[in-house]
PDB file of N, CA and C in Angstrom:
ATOM      1  N   MET A   1     -36.906   1.746 -31.461  1.00  0.00           N
ATOM      2  CA  MET A   1     -36.701   0.589 -30.607  1.00  0.00           C
ATOM      3  C   MET A   1     -35.702   0.924 -29.508  1.00  0.00           C
ATOM      4  N   THR A   2     -35.968   0.491 -28.340  1.00  0.00           N
ATOM      5  CA  THR A   2     -35.064   0.744 -27.223  1.00  0.00           C
ATOM      6  C   THR A   2     -33.974  -0.311 -27.121  1.00  0.00           C
ATOM      7  N   ARG A   3     -34.053  -1.357 -27.876  1.00  0.00           N
ATOM      8  CA  ARG A   3     -33.045  -2.419 -27.812  1.00  0.00           C
ATOM      9  C   ARG A   3     -31.695  -1.953 -28.337  1.00  0.00           C
ATOM     10  N   ASN A   4     -31.655  -0.904 -29.107  1.00  0.00           N
ATOM     11  CA  ASN A   4     -30.412  -0.426 -29.690  1.00  0.00           C
ATOM     12  C   ASN A   4     -29.595   0.430 -28.729  1.00  0.00           C
ATOM     13  N   LYS A   5     -30.137   0.709 -27.568  1.00  0.00           N
ATOM     14  CA  LYS A   5     -29.406   1.513 -26.593  1.00  0.00           C
ATOM     15  C   LYS A   5     -28.208   0.720 -26.067  1.00  0.00           C
ATOM     16  N   PRO A   6     -27.060   1.355 -25.950  1.00  0.00           N
ATOM     17  CA  PRO A   6     -25.911   0.653 -25.372  1.00  0.00           C
ATOM     18  C   PRO A   6     -26.148   0.389 -23.889  1.00  0.00           C
ATOM     19  N   THR A   7     -25.613  -0.712 -23.427  1.00  0.00           N
ATOM     20  CA  THR A   7     -25.761  -1.071 -22.011  1.00  0.00           C
ATOM     21  C   THR A   7     -24.379  -1.106 -21.373  1.00  0.00           C
ATOM     22  N   ASN A   8     -23.923   0.047 -20.932  1.00  0.00           N
ATOM     23  CA  ASN A   8     -22.608   0.156 -20.309  1.00  0.00           C
ATOM     24  C   ASN A   8     -22.613  -0.263 -18.851  1.00  0.00           C
ATOM     25  N   HIS A   9     -23.776  -0.397 -18.267  1.00  0.00           N
ATOM     26  CA  HIS A   9     -23.852  -0.676 -16.835  1.00  0.00           C
ATOM     27  C   HIS A   9     -23.225  -2.006 -16.456  1.00  0.00           C
ATOM     28  N   GLN A  10     -23.148  -2.970 -17.339  1.00  0.00           N
ATOM     29  CA  GLN A  10     -22.568  -4.267 -16.996  1.00  0.00           C
ATOM     30  C   GLN A  10     -21.101  -4.141 -16.625  1.00  0.00           C
ATOM     31  N   THR A  11     -20.331  -3.397 -17.381  1.00  0.00           N
ATOM     32  CA  THR A  11     -18.913  -3.283 -17.082  1.00  0.00           C
ATOM     33  C   THR A  11     -18.682  -2.516 -15.788  1.00  0.00           C
ATOM     34  N   ASP A  12     -19.589  -1.600 -15.441  1.00  0.00           N
ATOM     35  CA  ASP A  12     -19.434  -0.843 -14.207  1.00  0.00           C
ATOM     36  C   ASP A  12     -19.532  -1.733 -12.976  1.00  0.00           C
ATOM     37  N   HIS A  13     -20.294  -2.795 -13.054  1.00  0.00           N
ATOM     38  CA  HIS A  13     -20.506  -3.652 -11.897  1.00  0.00           C
ATOM     39  C   HIS A  13     -19.419  -4.701 -11.722  1.00  0.00           C
ATOM     40  N   HIS A  14     -18.561  -4.853 -12.695  1.00  0.00           N
ATOM     41  CA  HIS A  14     -17.569  -5.917 -12.635  1.00  0.00           C
ATOM     42  C   HIS A  14     -16.145  -5.381 -12.700  1.00  0.00           C
ATOM     43  N   GLU A  15     -15.916  -4.220 -12.162  1.00  0.00           N
ATOM     44  CA  GLU A  15     -14.579  -3.644 -12.151  1.00  0.00           C
ATOM     45  C   GLU A  15     -13.672  -4.508 -11.293  1.00  0.00           C
ATOM     46  N   GLU A  16     -12.582  -4.990 -11.857  1.00  0.00           N
ATOM     47  CA  GLU A  16     -11.676  -5.856 -11.122  1.00  0.00           C
ATOM     48  C   GLU A  16     -10.531  -5.089 -10.488  1.00  0.00           C
ATOM     49  N   GLY A  17     -10.252  -3.921 -10.970  1.00  0.00           N
ATOM     50  CA  GLY A  17      -9.166  -3.160 -10.402  1.00  0.00           C
ATOM     51  C   GLY A  17      -7.991  -3.072 -11.348  1.00  0.00           C
ATOM     52  N   VAL A  18      -6.972  -2.386 -10.891  1.00  0.00           N
ATOM     53  CA  VAL A  18      -5.783  -2.136 -11.684  1.00  0.00           C
ATOM     54  C   VAL A  18      -4.588  -2.738 -10.960  1.00  0.00           C
ATOM     55  N   ASP A  19      -3.824  -3.558 -11.672  1.00  0.00           N
ATOM     56  CA  ASP A  19      -2.596  -4.100 -11.091  1.00  0.00           C
ATOM     57  C   ASP A  19      -1.573  -2.979 -10.949  1.00  0.00           C
ATOM     58  N   VAL A  20      -0.930  -2.929  -9.785  1.00  0.00           N
ATOM     59  CA  VAL A  20       0.095  -1.927  -9.526  1.00  0.00           C
ATOM     60  C   VAL A  20       1.374  -2.671  -9.155  1.00  0.00           C
ATOM     61  N   PRO A  21       2.455  -2.520  -9.926  1.00  0.00           N
ATOM     62  CA  PRO A  21       3.702  -3.185  -9.547  1.00  0.00           C
ATOM     63  C   PRO A  21       4.117  -2.752  -8.141  1.00  0.00           C
ATOM     64  N   TYR A  22       4.428  -3.733  -7.296  1.00  0.00           N
ATOM     65  CA  TYR A  22       4.757  -3.392  -5.906  1.00  0.00           C
ATOM     66  C   TYR A  22       5.956  -2.464  -5.828  1.00  0.00           C
ATOM     67  N   GLN A  23       6.847  -2.526  -6.817  1.00  0.00           N
ATOM     68  CA  GLN A  23       8.022  -1.652  -6.826  1.00  0.00           C
ATOM     69  C   GLN A  23       7.633  -0.188  -7.033  1.00  0.00           C
ATOM     70  N   ASP A  24       6.451   0.046  -7.595  1.00  0.00           N
ATOM     71  CA  ASP A  24       5.993   1.415  -7.846  1.00  0.00           C
ATOM     72  C   ASP A  24       5.250   2.027  -6.662  1.00  0.00           C
ATOM     73  N   VAL A  25       5.000   1.224  -5.633  1.00  0.00           N
ATOM     74  CA  VAL A  25       4.293   1.714  -4.448  1.00  0.00           C
ATOM     75  C   VAL A  25       5.315   2.334  -3.501  1.00  0.00           C
ATOM     76  N   ASN A  26       4.997   3.500  -2.960  1.00  0.00           N
ATOM     77  CA  ASN A  26       5.857   4.147  -1.972  1.00  0.00           C
ATOM     78  C   ASN A  26       6.226   3.128  -0.898  1.00  0.00           C
ATOM     79  N   PRO A  27       7.511   2.992  -0.526  1.00  0.00           N
ATOM     80  CA  PRO A  27       7.930   1.970   0.446  1.00  0.00           C
ATOM     81  C   PRO A  27       7.153   2.005   1.769  1.00  0.00           C
ATOM     82  N   GLU A  28       6.877   3.188   2.280  1.00  0.00           N
ATOM     83  CA  GLU A  28       6.122   3.287   3.534  1.00  0.00           C
ATOM     84  C   GLU A  28       4.681   2.810   3.334  1.00  0.00           C
ATOM     85  N   THR A  29       4.094   3.174   2.221  1.00  0.00           N
ATOM     86  CA  THR A  29       2.734   2.735   1.906  1.00  0.00           C
ATOM     87  C   THR A  29       2.686   1.227   1.730  1.00  0.00           C
ATOM     88  N   LEU A  30       3.686   0.666   1.037  1.00  0.00           N
ATOM     89  CA  LEU A  30       3.739  -0.781   0.841  1.00  0.00           C
ATOM     90  C   LEU A  30       3.857  -1.496   2.179  1.00  0.00           C
ATOM     91  N   ARG A  31       4.709  -0.995   3.056  1.00  0.00           N
ATOM     92  CA  ARG A  31       4.863  -1.615   4.376  1.00  0.00           C
ATOM     93  C   ARG A  31       3.538  -1.573   5.143  1.00  0.00           C
ATOM     94  N   ASN A  32       2.851  -0.436   5.103  1.00  0.00           N
ATOM     95  CA  ASN A  32       1.557  -0.327   5.789  1.00  0.00           C
ATOM     96  C   ASN A  32       0.543  -1.303   5.204  1.00  0.00           C
ATOM     97  N   LEU A  33       0.543  -1.443   3.888  1.00  0.00           N
ATOM     98  CA  LEU A  33      -0.364  -2.379   3.226  1.00  0.00           C
ATOM     99  C   LEU A  33      -0.054  -3.815   3.644  1.00  0.00           C
ATOM    100  N   ILE A  34       1.230  -4.154   3.696  1.00  0.00           N
ATOM    101  CA  ILE A  34       1.630  -5.506   4.107  1.00  0.00           C
ATOM    102  C   ILE A  34       1.280  -5.744   5.571  1.00  0.00           C
ATOM    103  N   GLU A  35       1.538  -4.765   6.442  1.00  0.00           N
ATOM    104  CA  GLU A  35       1.195  -4.922   7.861  1.00  0.00           C
ATOM    105  C   GLU A  35      -0.298  -5.167   8.034  1.00  0.00           C
ATOM    106  N   GLU A  36      -1.105  -4.421   7.311  1.00  0.00           N
ATOM    107  CA  GLU A  36      -2.554  -4.617   7.387  1.00  0.00           C
ATOM    108  C   GLU A  36      -2.923  -6.007   6.878  1.00  0.00           C
ATOM    109  N   PHE A  37      -2.277  -6.444   5.815  1.00  0.00           N
ATOM    110  CA  PHE A  37      -2.538  -7.753   5.215  1.00  0.00           C
ATOM    111  C   PHE A  37      -2.223  -8.887   6.197  1.00  0.00           C
ATOM    112  N   VAL A  38      -1.066  -8.838   6.842  1.00  0.00           N
ATOM    113  CA  VAL A  38      -0.676  -9.950   7.721  1.00  0.00           C
ATOM    114  C   VAL A  38      -1.385  -9.913   9.069  1.00  0.00           C
ATOM    115  N   SER A  39      -1.981  -8.782   9.425  1.00  0.00           N
ATOM    116  CA  SER A  39      -2.644  -8.691  10.728  1.00  0.00           C
ATOM    117  C   SER A  39      -4.156  -8.879  10.650  1.00  0.00           C
ATOM    118  N   ARG A  40      -4.680  -9.142   9.460  1.00  0.00           N
ATOM    119  CA  ARG A  40      -6.125  -9.340   9.310  1.00  0.00           C
ATOM    120  C   ARG A  40      -6.586 -10.562  10.076  1.00  0.00           C
ATOM    121  N   ASP A  41      -7.798 -10.475  10.593  1.00  0.00           N
ATOM    122  CA  ASP A  41      -8.421 -11.660  11.177  1.00  0.00           C
ATOM    123  C   ASP A  41      -8.630 -12.668  10.066  1.00  0.00           C
ATOM    124  N   GLY A  42      -8.363 -13.925  10.370  1.00  0.00           N
ATOM    125  CA  GLY A  42      -8.586 -14.975   9.389  1.00  0.00           C
ATOM    126  C   GLY A  42      -7.441 -15.164   8.423  1.00  0.00           C
ATOM    127  N   SER A  43      -6.323 -14.484   8.637  1.00  0.00           N
ATOM    128  CA  SER A  43      -5.171 -14.706   7.774  1.00  0.00           C
ATOM    129  C   SER A  43      -4.707 -16.138   7.928  1.00  0.00           C
ATOM    130  N   ASP A  44      -4.205 -16.692   6.861  1.00  0.00           N
ATOM    131  CA  ASP A  44      -3.769 -18.087   6.887  1.00  0.00           C
ATOM    132  C   ASP A  44      -2.299 -18.170   7.274  1.00  0.00           C
ATOM    133  N   TRP A  45      -1.996 -17.766   8.491  1.00  0.00           N
ATOM    134  CA  TRP A  45      -0.623 -17.847   8.971  1.00  0.00           C
ATOM    135  C   TRP A  45      -0.432 -19.053   9.876  1.00  0.00           C
ATOM    136  N   GLY A  46      -1.527 -19.760  10.170  1.00  0.00           N
ATOM    137  CA  GLY A  46      -1.428 -20.966  10.989  1.00  0.00           C
ATOM    138  C   GLY A  46      -0.838 -20.668  12.349  1.00  0.00           C
ATOM    139  N   ASP A  47      -0.149 -21.641  12.895  1.00  0.00           N
ATOM    140  CA  ASP A  47       0.494 -21.488  14.198  1.00  0.00           C
ATOM    141  C   ASP A  47       1.968 -21.145  14.043  1.00  0.00           C
ATOM    142  N   ALA A  48       2.335 -20.660  12.883  1.00  0.00           N
ATOM    143  CA  ALA A  48       3.739 -20.370  12.615  1.00  0.00           C
ATOM    144  C   ALA A  48       4.279 -19.301  13.553  1.00  0.00           C
ATOM    145  N   GLY A  49       3.384 -18.488  14.105  1.00  0.00           N
ATOM    146  CA  GLY A  49       3.835 -17.433  15.005  1.00  0.00           C
ATOM    147  C   GLY A  49       4.760 -16.497  14.261  1.00  0.00           C
ATOM    148  N   GLY A  50       5.842 -16.132  14.910  1.00  0.00           N
ATOM    149  CA  GLY A  50       6.791 -15.243  14.265  1.00  0.00           C
ATOM    150  C   GLY A  50       6.436 -13.796  14.519  1.00  0.00           C
ATOM    151  N   THR A  51       7.414 -12.981  14.317  1.00  0.00           N
ATOM    152  CA  THR A  51       7.231 -11.553  14.535  1.00  0.00           C
ATOM    153  C   THR A  51       6.557 -10.914  13.326  1.00  0.00           C
ATOM    154  N   MET A  52       6.066  -9.741  13.524  1.00  0.00           N
ATOM    155  CA  MET A  52       5.483  -8.980  12.423  1.00  0.00           C
ATOM    156  C   MET A  52       6.532  -8.797  11.328  1.00  0.00           C
ATOM    157  N   GLU A  53       7.760  -8.518  11.731  1.00  0.00           N
ATOM    158  CA  GLU A  53       8.837  -8.307  10.757  1.00  0.00           C
ATOM    159  C   GLU A  53       9.080  -9.557   9.912  1.00  0.00           C
ATOM    160  N   ALA A  54       9.017 -10.739  10.539  1.00  0.00           N
ATOM    161  CA  ALA A  54       9.203 -11.992   9.797  1.00  0.00           C
ATOM    162  C   ALA A  54       8.075 -12.197   8.791  1.00  0.00           C
ATOM    163  N   LYS A  55       6.858 -11.854   9.192  1.00  0.00           N
ATOM    164  CA  LYS A  55       5.718 -11.993   8.283  1.00  0.00           C
ATOM    165  C   LYS A  55       5.829 -11.011   7.117  1.00  0.00           C
ATOM    166  N   ILE A  56       6.268  -9.796   7.408  1.00  0.00           N
ATOM    167  CA  ILE A  56       6.466  -8.797   6.355  1.00  0.00           C
ATOM    168  C   ILE A  56       7.527  -9.282   5.369  1.00  0.00           C
ATOM    169  N   ASP A  57       8.618  -9.825   5.889  1.00  0.00           N
ATOM    170  CA  ASP A  57       9.673 -10.359   5.021  1.00  0.00           C
ATOM    171  C   ASP A  57       9.146 -11.485   4.142  1.00  0.00           C
ATOM    172  N   GLN A  58       8.295 -12.328   4.707  1.00  0.00           N
ATOM    173  CA  GLN A  58       7.714 -13.426   3.942  1.00  0.00           C
ATOM    174  C   GLN A  58       6.857 -12.892   2.789  1.00  0.00           C
ATOM    175  N   VAL A  59       6.059 -11.872   3.066  1.00  0.00           N
ATOM    176  CA  VAL A  59       5.221 -11.279   2.022  1.00  0.00           C
ATOM    177  C   VAL A  59       6.099 -10.628   0.952  1.00  0.00           C
ATOM    178  N   LEU A  60       7.143  -9.933   1.352  1.00  0.00           N
ATOM    179  CA  LEU A  60       8.053  -9.323   0.376  1.00  0.00           C
ATOM    180  C   LEU A  60       8.694 -10.384  -0.516  1.00  0.00           C
ATOM    181  N   ARG A  61       9.054 -11.532   0.063  1.00  0.00           N
ATOM    182  CA  ARG A  61       9.609 -12.632  -0.738  1.00  0.00           C
ATOM    183  C   ARG A  61       8.584 -13.127  -1.758  1.00  0.00           C
ATOM    184  N   GLN A  62       7.315 -13.175  -1.350  1.00  0.00           N
ATOM    185  CA  GLN A  62       6.266 -13.607  -2.277  1.00  0.00           C
ATOM    186  C   GLN A  62       6.083 -12.598  -3.416  1.00  0.00           C
ATOM    187  N   PHE A  63       6.208 -11.308  -3.110  1.00  0.00           N
ATOM    188  CA  PHE A  63       6.170 -10.291  -4.173  1.00  0.00           C
ATOM    189  C   PHE A  63       7.315 -10.530  -5.157  1.00  0.00           C
ATOM    190  N   LYS A  64       8.531 -10.682  -4.618  1.00  0.00           N
ATOM    191  CA  LYS A  64       9.713 -10.854  -5.467  1.00  0.00           C
ATOM    192  C   LYS A  64       9.641 -12.129  -6.293  1.00  0.00           C
ATOM    193  N   ALA A  65       8.996 -13.164  -5.760  1.00  0.00           N
ATOM    194  CA  ALA A  65       8.850 -14.434  -6.477  1.00  0.00           C
ATOM    195  C   ALA A  65       7.705 -14.390  -7.488  1.00  0.00           C
ATOM    196  N   GLY A  66       6.950 -13.306  -7.498  1.00  0.00           N
ATOM    197  CA  GLY A  66       5.853 -13.170  -8.448  1.00  0.00           C
ATOM    198  C   GLY A  66       4.611 -13.958  -8.076  1.00  0.00           C
ATOM    199  N   LYS A  67       4.460 -14.298  -6.800  1.00  0.00           N
ATOM    200  CA  LYS A  67       3.304 -15.088  -6.363  1.00  0.00           C
ATOM    201  C   LYS A  67       2.102 -14.233  -5.987  1.00  0.00           C
ATOM    202  N   ILE A  68       2.335 -12.971  -5.633  1.00  0.00           N
ATOM    203  CA  ILE A  68       1.261 -12.069  -5.224  1.00  0.00           C
ATOM    204  C   ILE A  68       1.436 -10.729  -5.923  1.00  0.00           C
ATOM    205  N   LYS A  69       0.382  -9.911  -5.869  1.00  0.00           N
ATOM    206  CA  LYS A  69       0.432  -8.597  -6.504  1.00  0.00           C
ATOM    207  C   LYS A  69      -0.435  -7.616  -5.732  1.00  0.00           C
ATOM    208  N   VAL A  70      -0.230  -6.335  -6.010  1.00  0.00           N
ATOM    209  CA  VAL A  70      -1.070  -5.275  -5.458  1.00  0.00           C
ATOM    210  C   VAL A  70      -2.108  -4.927  -6.521  1.00  0.00           C
ATOM    211  N   VAL A  71      -3.367  -4.861  -6.096  1.00  0.00           N
ATOM    212  CA  VAL A  71      -4.454  -4.462  -6.988  1.00  0.00           C
ATOM    213  C   VAL A  71      -5.168  -3.274  -6.361  1.00  0.00           C
ATOM    214  N   PHE A  72      -5.360  -2.227  -7.161  1.00  0.00           N
ATOM    215  CA  PHE A  72      -6.094  -1.047  -6.710  1.00  0.00           C
ATOM    216  C   PHE A  72      -7.496  -1.128  -7.273  1.00  0.00           C
ATOM    217  N   ASP A  73      -8.490  -1.145  -6.384  1.00  0.00           N
ATOM    218  CA  ASP A  73      -9.899  -1.207  -6.779  1.00  0.00           C
ATOM    219  C   ASP A  73     -10.399   0.211  -7.022  1.00  0.00           C
ATOM    220  N   LEU A  74     -10.756   0.493  -8.265  1.00  0.00           N
ATOM    221  CA  LEU A  74     -11.203   1.841  -8.621  1.00  0.00           C
ATOM    222  C   LEU A  74     -12.522   2.208  -7.962  1.00  0.00           C
ATOM    223  N   ALA A  75     -13.389   1.234  -7.751  1.00  0.00           N
ATOM    224  CA  ALA A  75     -14.703   1.514  -7.162  1.00  0.00           C
ATOM    225  C   ALA A  75     -14.586   1.918  -5.703  1.00  0.00           C
ATOM    226  N   SER A  76     -13.797   1.165  -4.931  1.00  0.00           N
ATOM    227  CA  SER A  76     -13.689   1.439  -3.494  1.00  0.00           C
ATOM    228  C   SER A  76     -12.499   2.328  -3.151  1.00  0.00           C
ATOM    229  N   GLN A  77     -11.639   2.596  -4.152  1.00  0.00           N
ATOM    230  CA  GLN A  77     -10.441   3.411  -3.937  1.00  0.00           C
ATOM    231  C   GLN A  77      -9.543   2.806  -2.865  1.00  0.00           C
ATOM    232  N   THR A  78      -9.414   1.470  -2.879  1.00  0.00           N
ATOM    233  CA  THR A  78      -8.565   0.779  -1.917  1.00  0.00           C
ATOM    234  C   THR A  78      -7.595  -0.134  -2.651  1.00  0.00           C
ATOM    235  N   ALA A  79      -6.499  -0.449  -1.985  1.00  0.00           N
ATOM    236  CA  ALA A  79      -5.511  -1.381  -2.522  1.00  0.00           C
ATOM    237  C   ALA A  79      -5.558  -2.660  -1.704  1.00  0.00           C
ATOM    238  N   ASN A  80      -5.218  -3.763  -2.354  1.00  0.00           N
ATOM    239  CA  ASN A  80      -5.221  -5.049  -1.680  1.00  0.00           C
ATOM    240  C   ASN A  80      -4.107  -5.906  -2.254  1.00  0.00           C
ATOM    241  N   ILE A  81      -3.659  -6.860  -1.459  1.00  0.00           N
ATOM    242  CA  ILE A  81      -2.679  -7.844  -1.896  1.00  0.00           C
ATOM    243  C   ILE A  81      -3.441  -9.113  -2.227  1.00  0.00           C
ATOM    244  N   VAL A  82      -3.223  -9.617  -3.435  1.00  0.00           N
ATOM    245  CA  VAL A  82      -3.939 -10.807  -3.890  1.00  0.00           C
ATOM    246  C   VAL A  82      -2.963 -11.757  -4.573  1.00  0.00           C
ATOM    247  N   PRO A  83      -3.316 -13.050  -4.615  1.00  0.00           N
ATOM    248  CA  PRO A  83      -2.454 -14.002  -5.333  1.00  0.00           C
ATOM    249  C   PRO A  83      -2.512 -13.754  -6.837  1.00  0.00           C
ATOM    250  N   LYS A  84      -1.395 -13.994  -7.506  1.00  0.00           N
ATOM    251  CA  LYS A  84      -1.401 -13.943  -8.970  1.00  0.00           C
ATOM    252  C   LYS A  84      -1.988 -15.248  -9.462  1.00  0.00           C
ATOM    253  N   LEU A  85      -2.802 -15.163 -10.485  1.00  0.00           N
ATOM    254  CA  LEU A  85      -3.424 -16.363 -11.041  1.00  0.00           C
ATOM    255  C   LEU A  85      -2.688 -16.851 -12.248  1.00  0.00           C
TER     256      LEU A  85
END
């Protein structure tokens, strides 16, 4: 019977990534990741304006407050900043 074959393909399609403590990310790499995050089209920064440095500081405060995290996607080999659930 072929029904007894393991089906590992399901887990391969739903890889969520690996949480990486922001403190473990190289400071220059973290800054680049944050700069990319705050400069994306469609970011929800509203009309607050502000300098890039102010936005970076805001993101760092959110990291320190535990509101966001860095996730490394194993499939795409990319890192992203996402809200903690």
